[in-house]
Each structure stands twice: as structure tokens, then as C-alpha cells.
């Protein structure tokens, strides 16, 4: 975008004058323009990436858009196109393509629609100077032969120790409540603990919020993407 802006206004103001305002050096601009005019002078990695992108897209389309990074990597090597699997993964992310996954996808965080949510008291500063100062809670899942099971856990940030956990086949409020109850029992029902979680509906449910209040905890909820 900056190069395009400079191209548009350089005849009026000059490249150096514009670069004094924009966060770009004149040498960077001239280098970019030089590579546009002489694409063969770009780095070997960029040239190889462009070649691999074409081959990855071809294999992906030829196989009904179901191949993932592993199968595309195998097919490239069968065709004597030697490359690393991590390179295939990186370029597939760049191309915004992915293979079809077997089984259903698991989603552990279902955002709550509540307008009134606890504040973020942690702000990604996951540090504690003593036990029972900051607890963090979350839900994950594990694939088993009989299907997915969900695991809720509570961690004391000071010791990095799991103080409460629970496993269920359904992701309901009871899952996180049982993990919290185990943590309270294991730590002797401490007071004034900051309890931090994501914006999942289980953690913002009335039952869970009331239990935190009864325990004398300070509820904290992370911002979107944290």
C-alpha cells in the first residue's frame, strides 16, 4: 500500500519527501520497485515458494480438495519435487487451503451472548507471587475410540499445578463446576482468588458465577482472541 501511494504521488512530492512521513526508507522503496521490474532477482526462497504454490494448488485440485499437508507432501516427493512438510504446511496456510478432516470438529469455546461480563483482571499477565492468588480455567477435548471427551481443568498459576479437573462426554456447566469444586476442596476453600477464564458460556453461566461469588472469588474473563 505504501509503495502504491509513493508511486501515485512521487512526481509531485518526490520519493524522499514522502518517505520522511511514511514509515518506509527510500532504499526499501527502490529495492521493491527494482524487484518488481526484475522478478528473477528475487531470493531463491521466494522463487521456489512460487513454484511450490502452483504444484500444491494443482495436487489439491486434482484430489477433489480433500488432501491435507501430509498427503500433498507425500505426492510432491513421489513426483520428485523434494521439499519439507513444514514448507507445505506454511504455503497451504498462505494459500488458505486445508484438507478435509475425519470426524466432527470439536469446539470448546461457545461465546456467551451476555452483555454484562466480568472484566479482564489479568490482561495476559499470567504471573503470581503466592499460591491461590490466580487460578486459570479452561476446557479441552481428547479423541478416544468411543468419541470425544471433554476435560475441564483449573490451574494455580503460581505452581503451574492442576488443582481441579473433570472429564465428561458432554460440555455442560456441570463439567466446569465439578472441576472448580475439586479445586476448592483440594486447596481448603481459599478466599480472594482471581479466577480467569475465556468467554465460554459455561464459565459465564448463572450457576458458575454464583459459585464463584459464594467462594469469595474475583471473576475475570479474557478478551476476544486471548
C-alpha atoms as a PDB file:
ATOM      1  CA  UNK A   1       0.000   0.000   0.000  1.00  0.00           C
ATOM      2  CA  UNK A   2       2.817   2.419   0.849  1.00  0.00           C
ATOM      3  CA  UNK A   3       4.649   1.655  -2.390  1.00  0.00           C
ATOM      4  CA  UNK A   4       1.455   2.286  -4.339  1.00  0.00           C
ATOM      5  CA  UNK A   5       0.951   5.576  -2.509  1.00  0.00           C
ATOM      6  CA  UNK A   6       4.515   6.662  -3.302  1.00  0.00           C
ATOM      7  CA  UNK A   7       4.080   5.700  -6.962  1.00  0.00           C
ATOM      8  CA  UNK A   8       0.949   7.854  -7.098  1.00  0.00           C
ATOM      9  CA  UNK A   9       2.456  10.980  -5.531  1.00  0.00           C
ATOM     10  CA  UNK A  10       6.220  10.772  -6.163  1.00  0.00           C
ATOM     11  CA  UNK A  11       6.096  13.059  -9.207  1.00  0.00           C
ATOM     12  CA  UNK A  12       4.518  15.787  -7.097  1.00  0.00           C
ATOM     13  CA  UNK A  13       6.398  15.479  -3.791  1.00  0.00           C
ATOM     14  CA  UNK A  14       9.403  13.256  -4.509  1.00  0.00           C
ATOM     15  CA  UNK A  15      10.196   9.851  -3.010  1.00  0.00           C
ATOM     16  CA  UNK A  16      12.487  11.095  -0.218  1.00  0.00           C
ATOM     17  CA  UNK A  17       9.966  13.694   0.985  1.00  0.00           C
ATOM     18  CA  UNK A  18       7.178  11.118   1.204  1.00  0.00           C
ATOM     19  CA  UNK A  19       9.429   8.606   2.975  1.00  0.00           C
ATOM     20  CA  UNK A  20      10.126  11.178   5.698  1.00  0.00           C
ATOM     21  CA  UNK A  21       6.437  10.977   6.607  1.00  0.00           C
ATOM     22  CA  UNK A  22       5.737   7.293   5.940  1.00  0.00           C
ATOM     23  CA  UNK A  23       7.465   4.511   7.947  1.00  0.00           C
ATOM     24  CA  UNK A  24       9.487   3.316   4.958  1.00  0.00           C
ATOM     25  CA  UNK A  25      13.046   4.058   3.863  1.00  0.00           C
ATOM     26  CA  UNK A  26      13.749   5.271   0.311  1.00  0.00           C
ATOM     27  CA  UNK A  27      16.118   2.333  -0.172  1.00  0.00           C
ATOM     28  CA  UNK A  28      13.294  -0.077   0.702  1.00  0.00           C
ATOM     29  CA  UNK A  29      11.033   1.547  -1.852  1.00  0.00           C
ATOM     30  CA  UNK A  30      13.665   1.471  -4.595  1.00  0.00           C
ATOM     31  CA  UNK A  31      14.519  -2.137  -3.759  1.00  0.00           C
ATOM     32  CA  UNK A  32      10.847  -3.118  -4.029  1.00  0.00           C
ATOM     33  CA  UNK A  33      10.460  -1.360  -7.382  1.00  0.00           C
ATOM     34  CA  UNK A  34      13.666  -2.950  -8.667  1.00  0.00           C
ATOM     35  CA  UNK A  35      12.409  -6.450  -7.809  1.00  0.00           C
ATOM     36  CA  UNK A  36       9.080  -5.732  -9.484  1.00  0.00           C
ATOM     37  CA  UNK A  37      10.902  -4.802 -12.676  1.00  0.00           C
ATOM     38  CA  UNK A  38      13.360  -7.720 -12.362  1.00  0.00           C
ATOM     39  CA  UNK A  39      11.422 -10.588 -10.701  1.00  0.00           C
ATOM     40  CA  UNK A  40      14.204 -13.099 -11.414  1.00  0.00           C
ATOM     41  CA  UNK A  41      16.460 -11.266  -8.966  1.00  0.00           C
ATOM     42  CA  UNK A  42      14.239 -12.094  -6.020  1.00  0.00           C
ATOM     43  CA  UNK A  43      15.543 -14.515  -3.384  1.00  0.00           C
ATOM     44  CA  UNK A  44      15.727 -18.223  -4.181  1.00  0.00           C
ATOM     45  CA  UNK A  45      13.255 -18.969  -1.408  1.00  0.00           C
ATOM     46  CA  UNK A  46      10.602 -16.656  -2.845  1.00  0.00           C
ATOM     47  CA  UNK A  47      11.078 -18.102  -6.347  1.00  0.00           C
ATOM     48  CA  UNK A  48      10.874 -21.664  -5.031  1.00  0.00           C
ATOM     49  CA  UNK A  49       7.812 -20.839  -2.925  1.00  0.00           C
ATOM     50  CA  UNK A  50       6.017 -19.542  -6.012  1.00  0.00           C
ATOM     51  CA  UNK A  51       6.820 -22.752  -7.875  1.00  0.00           C
ATOM     52  CA  UNK A  52       5.675 -24.906  -4.955  1.00  0.00           C
ATOM     53  CA  UNK A  53       2.452 -22.925  -4.559  1.00  0.00           C
ATOM     54  CA  UNK A  54       1.481 -23.831  -8.112  1.00  0.00           C
ATOM     55  CA  UNK A  55       2.237 -27.521  -7.536  1.00  0.00           C
ATOM     56  CA  UNK A  56       0.449 -27.612  -4.161  1.00  0.00           C
ATOM     57  CA  UNK A  57      -2.646 -25.971  -5.643  1.00  0.00           C
ATOM     58  CA  UNK A  58      -2.567 -28.425  -8.567  1.00  0.00           C
ATOM     59  CA  UNK A  59      -2.391 -31.515  -6.344  1.00  0.00           C
ATOM     60  CA  UNK A  60      -5.072 -30.085  -4.081  1.00  0.00           C
ATOM     61  CA  UNK A  61      -7.445 -29.553  -7.018  1.00  0.00           C
ATOM     62  CA  UNK A  62      -6.634 -32.902  -8.659  1.00  0.00           C
ATOM     63  CA  UNK A  63      -7.633 -34.721  -5.470  1.00  0.00           C
ATOM     64  CA  UNK A  64     -11.047 -33.087  -5.032  1.00  0.00           C
ATOM     65  CA  UNK A  65      -9.734 -30.592  -2.467  1.00  0.00           C
ATOM     66  CA  UNK A  66      -9.524 -33.225   0.275  1.00  0.00           C
ATOM     67  CA  UNK A  67      -5.742 -33.701   0.615  1.00  0.00           C
ATOM     68  CA  UNK A  68      -4.086 -32.211   3.679  1.00  0.00           C
ATOM     69  CA  UNK A  69      -0.471 -31.151   4.116  1.00  0.00           C
ATOM     70  CA  UNK A  70       0.792 -34.691   4.774  1.00  0.00           C
ATOM     71  CA  UNK A  71      -0.700 -36.230   1.631  1.00  0.00           C
ATOM     72  CA  UNK A  72       0.297 -33.302  -0.566  1.00  0.00           C
ATOM     73  CA  UNK A  73       3.838 -33.541   0.827  1.00  0.00           C
ATOM     74  CA  UNK A  74       3.913 -37.277   0.015  1.00  0.00           C
ATOM     75  CA  UNK A  75       2.630 -36.669  -3.509  1.00  0.00           C
ATOM     76  CA  UNK A  76       5.228 -33.951  -4.144  1.00  0.00           C
ATOM     77  CA  UNK A  77       8.007 -36.336  -3.142  1.00  0.00           C
ATOM     78  CA  UNK A  78       6.552 -39.075  -5.366  1.00  0.00           C
ATOM     79  CA  UNK A  79       6.810 -36.588  -8.219  1.00  0.00           C
ATOM     80  CA  UNK A  80      10.455 -35.928  -7.303  1.00  0.00           C
ATOM     81  CA  UNK A  81       9.633 -32.421  -6.016  1.00  0.00           C
ATOM     82  CA  UNK A  82      11.677 -32.520  -2.822  1.00  0.00           C
ATOM     83  CA  UNK A  83      10.505 -30.244  -0.050  1.00  0.00           C
ATOM     84  CA  UNK A  84       9.869 -30.294   3.692  1.00  0.00           C
ATOM     85  CA  UNK A  85       6.458 -30.990   5.155  1.00  0.00           C
ATOM     86  CA  UNK A  86       6.602 -27.781   7.224  1.00  0.00           C
ATOM     87  CA  UNK A  87       7.072 -25.852   3.970  1.00  0.00           C
ATOM     88  CA  UNK A  88       3.911 -27.425   2.558  1.00  0.00           C
ATOM     89  CA  UNK A  89       2.018 -26.513   5.725  1.00  0.00           C
ATOM     90  CA  UNK A  90       3.272 -22.920   5.562  1.00  0.00           C
ATOM     91  CA  UNK A  91       2.339 -22.476   1.912  1.00  0.00           C
ATOM     92  CA  UNK A  92      -1.084 -24.075   2.392  1.00  0.00           C
ATOM     93  CA  UNK A  93      -1.787 -21.521   5.115  1.00  0.00           C
ATOM     94  CA  UNK A  94      -0.698 -18.792   2.708  1.00  0.00           C
ATOM     95  CA  UNK A  95      -2.979 -20.196   0.005  1.00  0.00           C
ATOM     96  CA  UNK A  96      -5.778 -20.555   2.595  1.00  0.00           C
ATOM     97  CA  UNK A  97      -6.471 -24.181   1.740  1.00  0.00           C
ATOM     98  CA  UNK A  98      -6.752 -27.174   4.040  1.00  0.00           C
ATOM     99  CA  UNK A  99      -7.633 -30.822   3.757  1.00  0.00           C
ATOM    100  CA  UNK A 100     -10.798 -32.497   4.911  1.00  0.00           C
ATOM    101  CA  UNK A 101     -10.619 -33.812   8.461  1.00  0.00           C
ATOM    102  CA  UNK A 102     -12.137 -37.095   9.532  1.00  0.00           C
ATOM    103  CA  UNK A 103     -14.830 -36.979  12.156  1.00  0.00           C
ATOM    104  CA  UNK A 104     -16.559 -33.944  13.523  1.00  0.00           C
ATOM    105  CA  UNK A 105     -14.758 -30.852  14.650  1.00  0.00           C
ATOM    106  CA  UNK A 106     -14.733 -30.040  18.309  1.00  0.00           C
ATOM    107  CA  UNK A 107     -15.400 -26.532  19.579  1.00  0.00           C
ATOM    108  CA  UNK A 108     -14.704 -25.958  23.248  1.00  0.00           C
ATOM    109  CA  UNK A 109     -15.444 -22.227  23.478  1.00  0.00           C
ATOM    110  CA  UNK A 110     -19.037 -21.221  22.774  1.00  0.00           C
ATOM    111  CA  UNK A 111     -19.160 -17.451  23.374  1.00  0.00           C
ATOM    112  CA  UNK A 112     -21.872 -16.196  25.673  1.00  0.00           C
ATOM    113  CA  UNK A 113     -24.299 -13.541  24.459  1.00  0.00           C
ATOM    114  CA  UNK A 114     -24.379 -11.850  27.848  1.00  0.00           C
ATOM    115  CA  UNK A 115     -23.727  -8.127  27.576  1.00  0.00           C
ATOM    116  CA  UNK A 116     -22.619  -7.872  31.214  1.00  0.00           C
ATOM    117  CA  UNK A 117     -19.375  -9.836  31.525  1.00  0.00           C
ATOM    118  CA  UNK A 118     -16.635  -9.735  34.190  1.00  0.00           C
ATOM    119  CA  UNK A 119     -13.673  -7.506  33.456  1.00  0.00           C
ATOM    120  CA  UNK A 120     -10.285  -8.820  32.347  1.00  0.00           C
ATOM    121  CA  UNK A 121      -8.287  -8.537  35.592  1.00  0.00           C
ATOM    122  CA  UNK A 122      -5.264 -10.384  34.183  1.00  0.00           C
ATOM    123  CA  UNK A 123      -4.562  -8.705  30.830  1.00  0.00           C
ATOM    124  CA  UNK A 124      -2.371 -11.654  29.802  1.00  0.00           C
ATOM    125  CA  UNK A 125      -0.043 -11.150  32.769  1.00  0.00           C
ATOM    126  CA  UNK A 126      -0.143 -14.762  33.923  1.00  0.00           C
ATOM    127  CA  UNK A 127       2.065 -14.334  36.967  1.00  0.00           C
ATOM    128  CA  UNK A 128       1.511 -14.895  40.670  1.00  0.00           C
ATOM    129  CA  UNK A 129       3.697 -14.285  43.730  1.00  0.00           C
ATOM    130  CA  UNK A 130       1.936 -16.763  46.017  1.00  0.00           C
ATOM    131  CA  UNK A 131      -0.362 -19.794  45.869  1.00  0.00           C
ATOM    132  CA  UNK A 132      -4.092 -19.222  45.422  1.00  0.00           C
ATOM    133  CA  UNK A 133      -3.569 -15.753  44.004  1.00  0.00           C
ATOM    134  CA  UNK A 134      -4.544 -16.510  40.401  1.00  0.00           C
ATOM    135  CA  UNK A 135      -6.318 -19.553  39.014  1.00  0.00           C
ATOM    136  CA  UNK A 136      -6.940 -20.084  35.306  1.00  0.00           C
ATOM    137  CA  UNK A 137      -9.600 -22.417  33.947  1.00  0.00           C
ATOM    138  CA  UNK A 138     -10.230 -23.873  30.506  1.00  0.00           C
ATOM    139  CA  UNK A 139     -11.773 -26.764  28.583  1.00  0.00           C
ATOM    140  CA  UNK A 140     -10.069 -29.033  26.071  1.00  0.00           C
ATOM    141  CA  UNK A 141     -11.012 -32.307  24.414  1.00  0.00           C
ATOM    142  CA  UNK A 142      -9.453 -35.701  23.806  1.00  0.00           C
ATOM    143  CA  UNK A 143     -10.299 -38.071  20.954  1.00  0.00           C
ATOM    144  CA  UNK A 144     -10.985 -41.650  22.087  1.00  0.00           C
ATOM    145  CA  UNK A 145     -12.227 -44.766  20.337  1.00  0.00           C
ATOM    146  CA  UNK A 146     -15.735 -44.066  21.635  1.00  0.00           C
ATOM    147  CA  UNK A 147     -15.685 -40.416  20.568  1.00  0.00           C
ATOM    148  CA  UNK A 148     -14.582 -37.109  22.026  1.00  0.00           C
ATOM    149  CA  UNK A 149     -14.473 -36.488  25.759  1.00  0.00           C
ATOM    150  CA  UNK A 150     -14.159 -33.033  27.258  1.00  0.00           C
ATOM    151  CA  UNK A 151     -11.710 -32.147  30.014  1.00  0.00           C
ATOM    152  CA  UNK A 152     -12.153 -29.121  32.255  1.00  0.00           C
ATOM    153  CA  UNK A 153      -9.267 -28.094  34.481  1.00  0.00           C
ATOM    154  CA  UNK A 154      -8.231 -25.390  36.924  1.00  0.00           C
ATOM    155  CA  UNK A 155      -4.557 -24.402  37.255  1.00  0.00           C
ATOM    156  CA  UNK A 156      -2.847 -22.459  40.033  1.00  0.00           C
ATOM    157  CA  UNK A 157      -0.610 -20.019  38.132  1.00  0.00           C
ATOM    158  CA  UNK A 158       1.941 -19.785  40.954  1.00  0.00           C
ATOM    159  CA  UNK A 159       2.792 -23.500  40.999  1.00  0.00           C
ATOM    160  CA  UNK A 160       1.521 -24.379  37.497  1.00  0.00           C
ATOM    161  CA  UNK A 161      -0.284 -27.218  39.230  1.00  0.00           C
ATOM    162  CA  UNK A 162      -3.658 -28.599  38.158  1.00  0.00           C
ATOM    163  CA  UNK A 163      -5.747 -28.234  41.309  1.00  0.00           C
ATOM    164  CA  UNK A 164      -9.046 -29.422  39.837  1.00  0.00           C
ATOM    165  CA  UNK A 165     -10.206 -31.364  36.789  1.00  0.00           C
ATOM    166  CA  UNK A 166     -13.194 -33.266  35.411  1.00  0.00           C
ATOM    167  CA  UNK A 167     -13.901 -35.420  32.348  1.00  0.00           C
ATOM    168  CA  UNK A 168     -17.337 -35.778  30.734  1.00  0.00           C
ATOM    169  CA  UNK A 169     -18.776 -36.694  27.361  1.00  0.00           C
ATOM    170  CA  UNK A 170     -20.873 -33.539  27.273  1.00  0.00           C
ATOM    171  CA  UNK A 171     -19.707 -29.936  27.544  1.00  0.00           C
ATOM    172  CA  UNK A 172     -22.142 -28.614  30.136  1.00  0.00           C
ATOM    173  CA  UNK A 173     -21.878 -26.355  33.157  1.00  0.00           C
ATOM    174  CA  UNK A 174     -21.521 -29.421  35.418  1.00  0.00           C
ATOM    175  CA  UNK A 175     -18.202 -30.148  33.703  1.00  0.00           C
ATOM    176  CA  UNK A 176     -16.573 -26.894  34.810  1.00  0.00           C
ATOM    177  CA  UNK A 177     -18.415 -26.794  38.138  1.00  0.00           C
ATOM    178  CA  UNK A 178     -17.070 -30.194  39.185  1.00  0.00           C
ATOM    179  CA  UNK A 179     -13.520 -29.117  38.306  1.00  0.00           C
ATOM    180  CA  UNK A 180     -13.968 -25.974  40.395  1.00  0.00           C
ATOM    181  CA  UNK A 181     -15.387 -27.914  43.352  1.00  0.00           C
ATOM    182  CA  UNK A 182     -12.412 -30.279  43.310  1.00  0.00           C
ATOM    183  CA  UNK A 183     -10.031 -27.320  43.261  1.00  0.00           C
ATOM    184  CA  UNK A 184     -11.832 -25.675  46.195  1.00  0.00           C
ATOM    185  CA  UNK A 185     -11.703 -28.891  48.200  1.00  0.00           C
ATOM    186  CA  UNK A 186      -8.024 -29.518  47.370  1.00  0.00           C
ATOM    187  CA  UNK A 187      -6.954 -26.005  48.389  1.00  0.00           C
ATOM    188  CA  UNK A 188      -9.105 -25.661  51.507  1.00  0.00           C
ATOM    189  CA  UNK A 189     -11.570 -23.136  50.042  1.00  0.00           C
ATOM    190  CA  UNK A 190      -9.266 -20.082  49.800  1.00  0.00           C
ATOM    191  CA  UNK A 191     -10.702 -16.572  49.541  1.00  0.00           C
ATOM    192  CA  UNK A 192      -9.878 -13.667  47.251  1.00  0.00           C
ATOM    193  CA  UNK A 193      -8.611 -15.801  44.376  1.00  0.00           C
ATOM    194  CA  UNK A 194      -8.746 -14.279  40.890  1.00  0.00           C
ATOM    195  CA  UNK A 195     -10.462 -16.828  38.656  1.00  0.00           C
ATOM    196  CA  UNK A 196      -9.635 -16.226  34.976  1.00  0.00           C
ATOM    197  CA  UNK A 197     -11.313 -17.976  32.026  1.00  0.00           C
ATOM    198  CA  UNK A 198     -12.373 -17.351  28.446  1.00  0.00           C
ATOM    199  CA  UNK A 199     -15.800 -16.117  27.368  1.00  0.00           C
ATOM    200  CA  UNK A 200     -17.303 -19.593  27.166  1.00  0.00           C
ATOM    201  CA  UNK A 201     -20.966 -19.854  28.080  1.00  0.00           C
ATOM    202  CA  UNK A 202     -20.183 -22.467  30.759  1.00  0.00           C
ATOM    203  CA  UNK A 203     -17.945 -20.065  32.680  1.00  0.00           C
ATOM    204  CA  UNK A 204     -20.431 -17.205  32.365  1.00  0.00           C
ATOM    205  CA  UNK A 205     -23.455 -19.279  33.343  1.00  0.00           C
ATOM    206  CA  UNK A 206     -25.535 -18.219  36.334  1.00  0.00           C
ATOM    207  CA  UNK A 207     -24.656 -21.347  38.323  1.00  0.00           C
ATOM    208  CA  UNK A 208     -20.918 -20.953  37.821  1.00  0.00           C
ATOM    209  CA  UNK A 209     -20.959 -17.219  38.510  1.00  0.00           C
ATOM    210  CA  UNK A 210     -22.933 -17.755  41.720  1.00  0.00           C
ATOM    211  CA  UNK A 211     -20.484 -20.430  42.885  1.00  0.00           C
ATOM    212  CA  UNK A 212     -17.527 -18.104  42.322  1.00  0.00           C
ATOM    213  CA  UNK A 213     -19.320 -15.418  44.294  1.00  0.00           C
ATOM    214  CA  UNK A 214     -20.088 -17.841  47.139  1.00  0.00           C
ATOM    215  CA  UNK A 215     -16.421 -18.870  47.258  1.00  0.00           C
ATOM    216  CA  UNK A 216     -15.332 -15.226  47.512  1.00  0.00           C
ATOM    217  CA  UNK A 217     -13.518 -15.292  44.169  1.00  0.00           C
ATOM    218  CA  UNK A 218     -12.912 -12.387  41.808  1.00  0.00           C
ATOM    219  CA  UNK A 219     -14.122 -13.435  38.351  1.00  0.00           C
ATOM    220  CA  UNK A 220     -12.010 -12.404  35.349  1.00  0.00           C
ATOM    221  CA  UNK A 221     -12.749 -13.041  31.673  1.00  0.00           C
ATOM    222  CA  UNK A 222     -10.232 -12.737  28.838  1.00  0.00           C
ATOM    223  CA  UNK A 223     -10.798 -10.548  25.809  1.00  0.00           C
ATOM    224  CA  UNK A 224     -11.579 -11.967  22.362  1.00  0.00           C
ATOM    225  CA  UNK A 225      -8.620 -13.912  20.946  1.00  0.00           C
ATOM    226  CA  UNK A 226      -6.898 -14.323  24.333  1.00  0.00           C
END
